[in-house]
Amino acid sequence: MVSNLPIFIFILLLLFPDKSTPSAAVDFHFEDCRQPMTCGDNQTIQYPFYIQNRQQSFCGYPGFQLKCHQNGHPILNLAGRDFSVRSISYEEHSLRLSDHAVSSAAECSSLIRNLSVLANERFSLGDGQDRICDGEESRDEAERNGLIVEWTAGECKFCNKSGGYCGFDESTHFFKCYCPDRPHAFHCTPPG
């Protein structure tokens, strides 16, 4: 009986581990948000954007969900209209959007009017974009190059520099920095 005691203790420790010992498990928010995605056109999709049905919504900011079009381009819905995302500049907080409506003067004016009301939202037209309907040459250029739209969302650079991934806590309605140990308010706490 005495010779089986170490084996018995070992089995007990495996079945009932000490809960006070910190776990090496990585927080699931960190795991889910750490991998940027793409719709297939090699554009990196990361905070504040997230791809609907492919990424968790907490990896992005409310209203920044994208869909993937069958041609591989991300699609953003603004003012009730789907726009193809041609490029995203995370440094300048802007994106270039395409829409066929800029080719006709009447549709272009309606489109710009609808997008102009976004000024109080998270998105707004970039400088000079409200004049793209002024002439055929401007509309042709806008159709070739896309409309520039700027966004406002929680700042991510401090979180990223600390090794975290940005996201949004839908229950508290606050920005979160998802870190290996747990979510933090702005940046990961250095070990120590």
Protein backbone atom coordinates (compact mmCIF):
# COMPACT_ATOMS: atom_id res chain seq x y z
CA MET A 1 0.00 0.00 0.00
CA VAL A 2 2.82 2.41 0.87
CA SER A 3 4.48 1.85 -2.50
CA ASN A 4 1.31 2.95 -4.34
CA LEU A 5 0.97 6.20 -2.37
CA PRO A 6 3.17 8.34 -4.71
CA ILE A 7 1.17 7.15 -7.71
CA PHE A 8 -2.10 7.92 -5.90
CA ILE A 9 -0.90 11.46 -5.02
CA PHE A 10 0.25 12.03 -8.60
CA ILE A 11 -3.17 11.00 -9.95
CA LEU A 12 -4.90 13.29 -7.45
CA LEU A 13 -2.75 16.23 -8.53
CA LEU A 14 -3.62 15.59 -12.16
CA LEU A 15 -7.34 15.36 -11.41
CA PHE A 16 -7.44 18.32 -8.99
CA PRO A 17 -4.74 20.85 -9.93
CA ASP A 18 -3.93 23.73 -7.57
CA LYS A 19 -6.16 26.64 -8.71
CA SER A 20 -3.94 29.23 -7.01
CA THR A 21 -1.11 28.56 -9.47
CA PRO A 22 -1.33 30.99 -12.41
CA SER A 23 -2.30 29.36 -15.66
CA ALA A 24 -0.23 29.67 -18.80
CA ALA A 25 -3.42 29.95 -20.86
CA VAL A 26 -3.64 32.90 -23.22
CA ASP A 27 -6.76 35.10 -23.10
CA PHE A 28 -9.27 34.15 -25.82
CA HIS A 29 -9.79 37.81 -26.89
CA PHE A 30 -6.04 38.07 -27.55
CA GLU A 31 -6.06 34.83 -29.54
CA ASP A 32 -9.11 35.80 -31.60
CA CYS A 33 -7.88 39.30 -32.48
CA ARG A 34 -4.17 38.65 -33.01
CA GLN A 35 -4.49 37.42 -36.59
CA PRO A 36 -5.31 40.09 -39.19
CA MET A 37 -7.61 38.86 -41.93
CA THR A 38 -8.10 39.48 -45.62
CA CYS A 39 -11.02 39.05 -47.99
CA GLY A 40 -8.68 37.66 -50.62
CA ASP A 41 -7.28 40.84 -52.18
CA ASN A 42 -4.33 40.95 -49.72
CA GLN A 43 -5.62 44.04 -47.88
CA THR A 44 -4.99 43.58 -44.18
CA ILE A 45 -8.18 43.86 -42.16
CA GLN A 46 -7.58 44.72 -38.51
CA TYR A 47 -8.90 47.04 -35.81
CA PRO A 48 -11.04 49.13 -36.06
CA PHE A 49 -12.41 46.96 -38.89
CA TYR A 50 -13.45 43.34 -38.66
CA ILE A 51 -14.91 40.90 -41.18
CA GLN A 52 -18.47 39.92 -40.38
CA ASN A 53 -18.91 36.15 -39.90
CA ARG A 54 -15.13 35.59 -40.00
CA GLN A 55 -13.87 37.58 -37.01
CA GLN A 56 -15.34 38.27 -33.61
CA SER A 57 -17.09 41.65 -33.42
CA PHE A 58 -15.06 42.52 -30.29
CA CYS A 59 -11.96 42.62 -32.53
CA GLY A 60 -13.34 45.74 -34.21
CA TYR A 61 -15.23 48.91 -33.45
CA PRO A 62 -19.03 49.20 -33.74
CA GLY A 63 -20.07 50.21 -37.26
CA PHE A 64 -16.75 49.08 -38.78
CA GLN A 65 -17.85 45.63 -39.90
CA LEU A 66 -16.89 44.61 -43.41
CA LYS A 67 -18.26 41.88 -45.64
CA CYS A 68 -16.22 40.01 -48.22
CA HIS A 69 -17.45 40.27 -51.81
CA GLN A 70 -17.06 37.20 -54.00
CA ASN A 71 -14.38 39.08 -55.99
CA GLY A 72 -12.20 39.25 -52.86
CA HIS A 73 -12.75 42.93 -52.02
CA PRO A 74 -13.97 44.05 -48.61
CA ILE A 75 -17.34 45.84 -48.62
CA LEU A 76 -18.29 48.63 -46.20
CA ASN A 77 -21.88 49.75 -45.82
CA LEU A 78 -22.24 53.52 -45.31
CA ALA A 79 -25.45 55.52 -45.46
CA GLY A 80 -27.33 52.37 -46.51
CA ARG A 81 -25.08 51.73 -49.52
CA ASP A 82 -22.34 49.14 -50.09
CA PHE A 83 -18.93 50.45 -51.11
CA SER A 84 -15.97 48.41 -52.28
CA VAL A 85 -12.91 49.13 -50.12
CA ARG A 86 -9.97 49.76 -52.46
CA SER A 87 -7.39 50.54 -49.77
CA ILE A 88 -7.12 51.21 -46.04
CA SER A 89 -4.56 53.53 -44.44
CA TYR A 90 -4.38 52.69 -40.76
CA GLU A 91 -1.79 55.45 -40.24
CA GLU A 92 -3.99 58.20 -41.71
CA HIS A 93 -7.30 56.73 -40.50
CA SER A 94 -8.70 56.80 -44.02
CA LEU A 95 -9.89 54.49 -46.76
CA ARG A 96 -10.57 54.68 -50.47
CA LEU A 97 -14.00 53.52 -51.50
CA SER A 98 -15.41 52.75 -54.93
CA ASP A 99 -18.94 53.23 -56.11
CA HIS A 100 -20.25 53.32 -59.67
CA ALA A 101 -22.59 56.20 -58.72
CA VAL A 102 -19.84 58.80 -59.15
CA SER A 103 -19.95 58.34 -62.94
CA SER A 104 -23.30 60.12 -63.34
CA ALA A 105 -23.68 63.70 -62.10
CA ALA A 106 -27.14 63.19 -60.54
CA GLU A 107 -26.21 59.99 -58.75
CA CYS A 108 -22.88 61.48 -57.69
CA SER A 109 -24.56 64.50 -56.06
CA SER A 110 -27.01 62.26 -54.22
CA LEU A 111 -24.19 60.01 -53.04
CA ILE A 112 -22.08 62.91 -51.76
CA ARG A 113 -25.11 64.44 -50.02
CA ASN A 114 -25.76 61.12 -48.24
CA LEU A 115 -22.12 60.72 -47.27
CA SER A 116 -21.86 64.33 -46.08
CA VAL A 117 -24.39 63.64 -43.33
CA LEU A 118 -21.91 61.16 -41.90
CA ALA A 119 -19.93 64.08 -40.47
CA ASN A 120 -21.41 63.46 -37.01
CA GLU A 121 -20.80 59.73 -37.31
CA ARG A 122 -17.57 57.73 -37.14
CA PHE A 123 -16.91 58.33 -40.86
CA SER A 124 -16.58 61.57 -42.82
CA LEU A 125 -15.61 62.56 -46.35
CA GLY A 126 -11.95 63.44 -46.77
CA ASP A 127 -10.85 66.98 -47.67
CA GLY A 128 -12.09 68.08 -51.10
CA GLN A 129 -14.23 64.98 -51.62
CA ASP A 130 -17.44 67.03 -51.48
CA ARG A 131 -16.44 68.63 -54.83
CA ILE A 132 -15.94 65.45 -56.87
CA CYS A 133 -19.30 65.89 -58.62
CA ASP A 134 -18.38 69.34 -59.97
CA GLY A 135 -17.33 68.09 -63.41
CA GLU A 136 -16.96 65.02 -65.54
CA GLU A 137 -13.17 65.07 -65.12
CA SER A 138 -13.52 65.09 -61.30
CA ARG A 139 -16.05 62.24 -61.43
CA ASP A 140 -13.80 60.21 -63.75
CA GLU A 141 -10.89 60.69 -61.35
CA ALA A 142 -13.05 59.71 -58.37
CA GLU A 143 -14.23 56.61 -60.21
CA ARG A 144 -10.62 55.65 -61.02
CA ASN A 145 -9.09 56.50 -57.64
CA GLY A 146 -12.03 56.12 -55.26
CA LEU A 147 -13.55 58.40 -52.66
CA ILE A 148 -11.48 59.18 -49.58
CA VAL A 149 -13.33 58.65 -46.32
CA GLU A 150 -11.79 59.26 -42.90
CA TRP A 151 -12.75 57.51 -39.68
CA THR A 152 -12.63 58.07 -35.94
CA ALA A 153 -12.22 55.18 -33.52
CA GLY A 154 -10.26 54.40 -30.36
CA GLU A 155 -6.50 54.93 -30.75
CA CYS A 156 -4.61 51.69 -31.05
CA LYS A 157 -0.88 52.54 -31.17
CA PHE A 158 -0.14 52.29 -27.42
CA CYS A 159 -1.85 48.93 -27.21
CA ASN A 160 0.01 47.60 -30.26
CA LYS A 161 3.37 48.89 -28.99
CA SER A 162 2.80 47.05 -25.70
CA GLY A 163 2.20 43.75 -27.52
CA GLY A 164 -1.59 43.82 -27.40
CA TYR A 165 -4.34 43.79 -30.00
CA CYS A 166 -7.09 46.39 -30.05
CA GLY A 167 -10.75 45.71 -29.67
CA PHE A 168 -13.99 46.90 -28.16
CA ASP A 169 -15.84 45.71 -25.08
CA GLU A 170 -19.48 45.61 -26.18
CA SER A 171 -20.78 45.28 -22.61
CA THR A 172 -19.03 48.41 -21.28
CA HIS A 173 -18.87 50.27 -24.64
CA PHE A 174 -15.17 51.02 -24.16
CA PHE A 175 -11.99 50.40 -26.15
CA LYS A 176 -9.97 47.44 -24.88
CA CYS A 177 -6.40 46.32 -25.33
CA TYR A 178 -6.43 42.54 -25.54
CA CYS A 179 -3.27 41.14 -23.97
CA PRO A 180 -2.03 37.58 -23.40
CA ASP A 181 -3.06 37.63 -19.72
CA ARG A 182 -6.40 39.51 -19.97
CA PRO A 183 -8.05 42.62 -21.48
CA HIS A 184 -6.63 45.97 -20.28
CA ALA A 185 -7.92 49.54 -20.65
CA PHE A 186 -5.19 51.01 -22.91
CA HIS A 187 -2.04 48.85 -23.04
CA CYS A 188 -0.61 45.58 -21.79
CA THR A 189 0.98 45.73 -18.37
CA PRO A 190 4.66 44.74 -18.55
CA PRO A 191 5.44 41.57 -16.56
CA GLY A 192 7.05 42.16 -13.23
